[in-house]
Amino acid sequence: MLDYNEWLKDAVKTKKLILDACGSDPNLYQNYEESLIDECYRLRKEEYPSVIEFIDAYYWSCRGDTSLMDKYMNTCDNIKDKYPKPSLS
């Protein structure tokens, strides 16, 4: 089975390989897409800041200092950019 890293390297080529492998089976195609999405989420989860960091950032944000929340959100945005959610559609 193709993995998310292959999709990241060349989404167009990977999509074609998956289409060729699935033929006309829409369920198999959906399974490939769900597998890629699951892998994307797993990789993101490994790099996201902790919930504790979010709570601390939220606390300080409520107190008027948004610097930690800004940093937290920027980190999350960078991770989402690094690991975009795949779409075979």
N, C-alpha and C. Protein backbone atom coordinates (compact mmCIF):
# COMPACT_ATOMS: atom_id res chain seq x y z
N MET A 1 0.84 -1.18 0.00
CA MET A 1 0.00 0.00 0.00
C MET A 1 0.89 1.25 0.00
N LEU A 2 0.46 2.25 -0.71
CA LEU A 2 1.19 3.52 -0.76
C LEU A 2 1.04 4.24 0.56
N ASP A 3 2.07 4.99 0.92
CA ASP A 3 1.98 5.70 2.19
C ASP A 3 1.93 7.21 1.98
N TYR A 4 1.69 7.90 3.07
CA TYR A 4 1.52 9.34 3.06
C TYR A 4 2.78 10.06 2.56
N ASN A 5 3.94 9.56 2.93
CA ASN A 5 5.19 10.19 2.49
C ASN A 5 5.32 10.18 0.97
N GLU A 6 4.86 9.11 0.35
CA GLU A 6 4.88 9.06 -1.12
C GLU A 6 3.92 10.10 -1.68
N TRP A 7 2.75 10.24 -1.04
CA TRP A 7 1.79 11.24 -1.48
C TRP A 7 2.38 12.65 -1.34
N LEU A 8 3.11 12.90 -0.23
CA LEU A 8 3.74 14.21 -0.02
C LEU A 8 4.75 14.52 -1.12
N LYS A 9 5.52 13.52 -1.51
CA LYS A 9 6.56 13.73 -2.53
C LYS A 9 5.96 14.05 -3.89
N ASP A 10 4.89 13.33 -4.24
CA ASP A 10 4.29 13.51 -5.56
C ASP A 10 2.83 13.08 -5.52
N ALA A 11 1.97 14.02 -5.15
CA ALA A 11 0.55 13.71 -4.99
C ALA A 11 -0.09 13.25 -6.30
N VAL A 12 0.28 13.87 -7.40
CA VAL A 12 -0.32 13.52 -8.69
C VAL A 12 0.03 12.08 -9.08
N LYS A 13 1.30 11.74 -8.96
CA LYS A 13 1.75 10.39 -9.30
C LYS A 13 1.10 9.36 -8.37
N THR A 14 1.05 9.67 -7.08
CA THR A 14 0.47 8.74 -6.11
C THR A 14 -1.01 8.54 -6.38
N LYS A 15 -1.71 9.63 -6.69
CA LYS A 15 -3.14 9.52 -6.99
C LYS A 15 -3.36 8.61 -8.20
N LYS A 16 -2.53 8.76 -9.23
CA LYS A 16 -2.66 7.91 -10.42
C LYS A 16 -2.40 6.44 -10.07
N LEU A 17 -1.38 6.18 -9.26
CA LEU A 17 -1.10 4.80 -8.85
C LEU A 17 -2.28 4.20 -8.09
N ILE A 18 -2.88 5.00 -7.23
CA ILE A 18 -4.03 4.51 -6.46
C ILE A 18 -5.22 4.27 -7.38
N LEU A 19 -5.47 5.20 -8.28
CA LEU A 19 -6.57 5.01 -9.24
C LEU A 19 -6.37 3.74 -10.06
N ASP A 20 -5.14 3.52 -10.51
CA ASP A 20 -4.83 2.32 -11.30
C ASP A 20 -5.04 1.05 -10.46
N ALA A 21 -4.66 1.10 -9.20
CA ALA A 21 -4.78 -0.06 -8.32
C ALA A 21 -6.24 -0.37 -7.97
N CYS A 22 -7.07 0.66 -7.90
CA CYS A 22 -8.45 0.48 -7.47
C CYS A 22 -9.38 0.10 -8.61
N GLY A 23 -9.00 0.43 -9.81
CA GLY A 23 -9.89 0.16 -10.92
C GLY A 23 -11.19 0.93 -10.73
N SER A 24 -12.29 0.23 -10.74
CA SER A 24 -13.60 0.89 -10.60
C SER A 24 -14.21 0.64 -9.22
N ASP A 25 -13.39 0.23 -8.25
CA ASP A 25 -13.91 -0.07 -6.91
C ASP A 25 -13.85 1.19 -6.03
N PRO A 26 -14.99 1.87 -5.84
CA PRO A 26 -14.99 3.11 -5.05
C PRO A 26 -14.67 2.88 -3.57
N ASN A 27 -14.99 1.71 -3.06
CA ASN A 27 -14.70 1.42 -1.65
C ASN A 27 -13.20 1.29 -1.41
N LEU A 28 -12.51 0.65 -2.32
CA LEU A 28 -11.06 0.51 -2.21
C LEU A 28 -10.40 1.89 -2.31
N TYR A 29 -10.90 2.70 -3.23
CA TYR A 29 -10.40 4.06 -3.39
C TYR A 29 -10.57 4.85 -2.09
N GLN A 30 -11.76 4.75 -1.48
CA GLN A 30 -12.04 5.43 -0.22
C GLN A 30 -11.12 4.91 0.89
N ASN A 31 -10.85 3.62 0.91
CA ASN A 31 -9.95 3.06 1.92
C ASN A 31 -8.54 3.63 1.79
N TYR A 32 -8.06 3.77 0.56
CA TYR A 32 -6.74 4.38 0.33
C TYR A 32 -6.72 5.81 0.87
N GLU A 33 -7.75 6.57 0.53
CA GLU A 33 -7.79 7.96 0.97
C GLU A 33 -7.84 8.05 2.49
N GLU A 34 -8.66 7.24 3.13
CA GLU A 34 -8.76 7.25 4.59
C GLU A 34 -7.43 6.84 5.24
N SER A 35 -6.74 5.91 4.63
CA SER A 35 -5.44 5.49 5.14
C SER A 35 -4.43 6.64 5.08
N LEU A 36 -4.42 7.36 3.98
CA LEU A 36 -3.52 8.52 3.84
C LEU A 36 -3.86 9.60 4.87
N ILE A 37 -5.14 9.84 5.07
CA ILE A 37 -5.57 10.85 6.05
C ILE A 37 -5.18 10.43 7.46
N ASP A 38 -5.37 9.16 7.79
CA ASP A 38 -4.98 8.65 9.12
C ASP A 38 -3.49 8.86 9.36
N GLU A 39 -2.68 8.57 8.35
CA GLU A 39 -1.23 8.75 8.48
C GLU A 39 -0.88 10.23 8.65
N CYS A 40 -1.55 11.09 7.92
CA CYS A 40 -1.35 12.53 8.05
C CYS A 40 -1.62 12.96 9.49
N TYR A 41 -2.74 12.54 10.05
CA TYR A 41 -3.10 12.90 11.42
C TYR A 41 -2.11 12.34 12.43
N ARG A 42 -1.61 11.13 12.18
CA ARG A 42 -0.64 10.54 13.10
C ARG A 42 0.65 11.36 13.13
N LEU A 43 1.11 11.76 11.96
CA LEU A 43 2.34 12.56 11.88
C LEU A 43 2.14 13.94 12.52
N ARG A 44 0.99 14.54 12.29
CA ARG A 44 0.70 15.83 12.92
C ARG A 44 0.70 15.70 14.44
N LYS A 45 0.03 14.67 14.92
CA LYS A 45 -0.10 14.46 16.37
C LYS A 45 1.27 14.39 17.05
N GLU A 46 2.23 13.75 16.40
CA GLU A 46 3.57 13.62 16.96
C GLU A 46 4.27 14.96 17.14
N GLU A 47 3.89 15.95 16.35
CA GLU A 47 4.59 17.24 16.38
C GLU A 47 3.79 18.38 16.99
N TYR A 48 2.49 18.20 17.17
CA TYR A 48 1.70 19.27 17.77
C TYR A 48 2.18 19.56 19.19
N PRO A 49 2.08 20.83 19.62
CA PRO A 49 2.38 21.15 21.01
C PRO A 49 1.38 20.43 21.93
N SER A 50 1.75 20.30 23.18
CA SER A 50 0.89 19.57 24.12
C SER A 50 -0.34 20.38 24.50
N VAL A 51 -1.32 19.69 25.04
CA VAL A 51 -2.54 20.33 25.54
C VAL A 51 -2.18 21.26 26.70
N ILE A 52 -1.21 20.88 27.50
CA ILE A 52 -0.76 21.72 28.61
C ILE A 52 -0.27 23.07 28.08
N GLU A 53 0.46 23.04 26.97
CA GLU A 53 0.93 24.29 26.37
C GLU A 53 -0.25 25.14 25.91
N PHE A 54 -1.29 24.49 25.38
CA PHE A 54 -2.47 25.23 24.96
C PHE A 54 -3.16 25.87 26.17
N ILE A 55 -3.31 25.10 27.24
CA ILE A 55 -3.98 25.63 28.43
C ILE A 55 -3.23 26.84 28.98
N ASP A 56 -1.92 26.74 29.03
CA ASP A 56 -1.12 27.85 29.52
C ASP A 56 -1.26 29.06 28.59
N ALA A 57 -1.21 28.82 27.30
CA ALA A 57 -1.36 29.91 26.32
C ALA A 57 -2.75 30.55 26.44
N TYR A 58 -3.76 29.72 26.63
CA TYR A 58 -5.13 30.22 26.78
C TYR A 58 -5.25 31.07 28.05
N TYR A 59 -4.69 30.59 29.14
CA TYR A 59 -4.72 31.33 30.41
C TYR A 59 -4.12 32.72 30.21
N TRP A 60 -2.93 32.78 29.64
CA TRP A 60 -2.26 34.06 29.47
C TRP A 60 -2.99 34.93 28.45
N SER A 61 -3.58 34.32 27.45
CA SER A 61 -4.36 35.06 26.48
C SER A 61 -5.56 35.75 27.15
N CYS A 62 -6.22 35.03 28.05
CA CYS A 62 -7.34 35.60 28.80
C CYS A 62 -6.88 36.74 29.71
N ARG A 63 -5.63 36.72 30.08
CA ARG A 63 -5.05 37.77 30.93
C ARG A 63 -4.49 38.93 30.10
N GLY A 64 -4.62 38.83 28.78
CA GLY A 64 -4.20 39.94 27.93
C GLY A 64 -2.88 39.75 27.20
N ASP A 65 -2.15 38.68 27.51
CA ASP A 65 -0.87 38.43 26.83
C ASP A 65 -1.08 37.31 25.81
N THR A 66 -1.18 37.68 24.56
CA THR A 66 -1.47 36.68 23.51
C THR A 66 -0.21 36.08 22.89
N SER A 67 0.96 36.41 23.39
CA SER A 67 2.19 35.95 22.75
C SER A 67 2.31 34.42 22.74
N LEU A 68 1.95 33.77 23.85
CA LEU A 68 2.04 32.30 23.88
C LEU A 68 1.00 31.65 22.96
N MET A 69 -0.20 32.24 22.91
CA MET A 69 -1.24 31.69 22.03
C MET A 69 -0.83 31.90 20.58
N ASP A 70 -0.26 33.05 20.27
CA ASP A 70 0.21 33.29 18.90
C ASP A 70 1.27 32.26 18.51
N LYS A 71 2.19 32.00 19.42
CA LYS A 71 3.23 31.01 19.16
C LYS A 71 2.63 29.62 18.98
N TYR A 72 1.68 29.27 19.85
CA TYR A 72 1.01 27.97 19.77
C TYR A 72 0.32 27.81 18.41
N MET A 73 -0.45 28.83 18.02
CA MET A 73 -1.19 28.77 16.77
C MET A 73 -0.24 28.73 15.56
N ASN A 74 0.83 29.49 15.61
CA ASN A 74 1.81 29.46 14.51
C ASN A 74 2.45 28.08 14.38
N THR A 75 2.75 27.46 15.51
CA THR A 75 3.30 26.10 15.48
C THR A 75 2.33 25.14 14.83
N CYS A 76 1.06 25.22 15.21
CA CYS A 76 0.03 24.35 14.63
C CYS A 76 -0.11 24.61 13.13
N ASP A 77 -0.11 25.88 12.73
CA ASP A 77 -0.21 26.21 11.31
C ASP A 77 0.96 25.63 10.52
N ASN A 78 2.16 25.73 11.08
CA ASN A 78 3.35 25.18 10.39
C ASN A 78 3.26 23.67 10.23
N ILE A 79 2.74 23.00 11.23
CA ILE A 79 2.60 21.54 11.16
C ILE A 79 1.55 21.17 10.11
N LYS A 80 0.45 21.91 10.08
CA LYS A 80 -0.58 21.65 9.06
C LYS A 80 -0.02 21.89 7.65
N ASP A 81 0.83 22.90 7.51
CA ASP A 81 1.46 23.15 6.21
C ASP A 81 2.45 22.03 5.85
N LYS A 82 3.15 21.54 6.87
CA LYS A 82 4.14 20.47 6.65
C LYS A 82 3.46 19.17 6.25
N TYR A 83 2.31 18.90 6.87
CA TYR A 83 1.56 17.66 6.62
C TYR A 83 0.14 18.01 6.16
N PRO A 84 -0.02 18.42 4.91
CA PRO A 84 -1.36 18.77 4.43
C PRO A 84 -2.27 17.54 4.37
N LYS A 85 -3.53 17.77 4.60
CA LYS A 85 -4.49 16.68 4.55
C LYS A 85 -4.64 16.24 3.09
N PRO A 86 -4.41 14.97 2.82
CA PRO A 86 -4.50 14.49 1.45
C PRO A 86 -5.94 14.40 0.96
N SER A 87 -6.09 14.63 -0.31
CA SER A 87 -7.40 14.47 -0.95
C SER A 87 -7.16 13.80 -2.30
N LEU A 88 -7.87 12.76 -2.51
CA LEU A 88 -7.75 12.06 -3.81
C LEU A 88 -8.85 12.49 -4.75
N SER A 89 -9.74 13.33 -4.28
CA SER A 89 -10.87 13.79 -5.09
C SER A 89 -10.44 14.78 -6.13
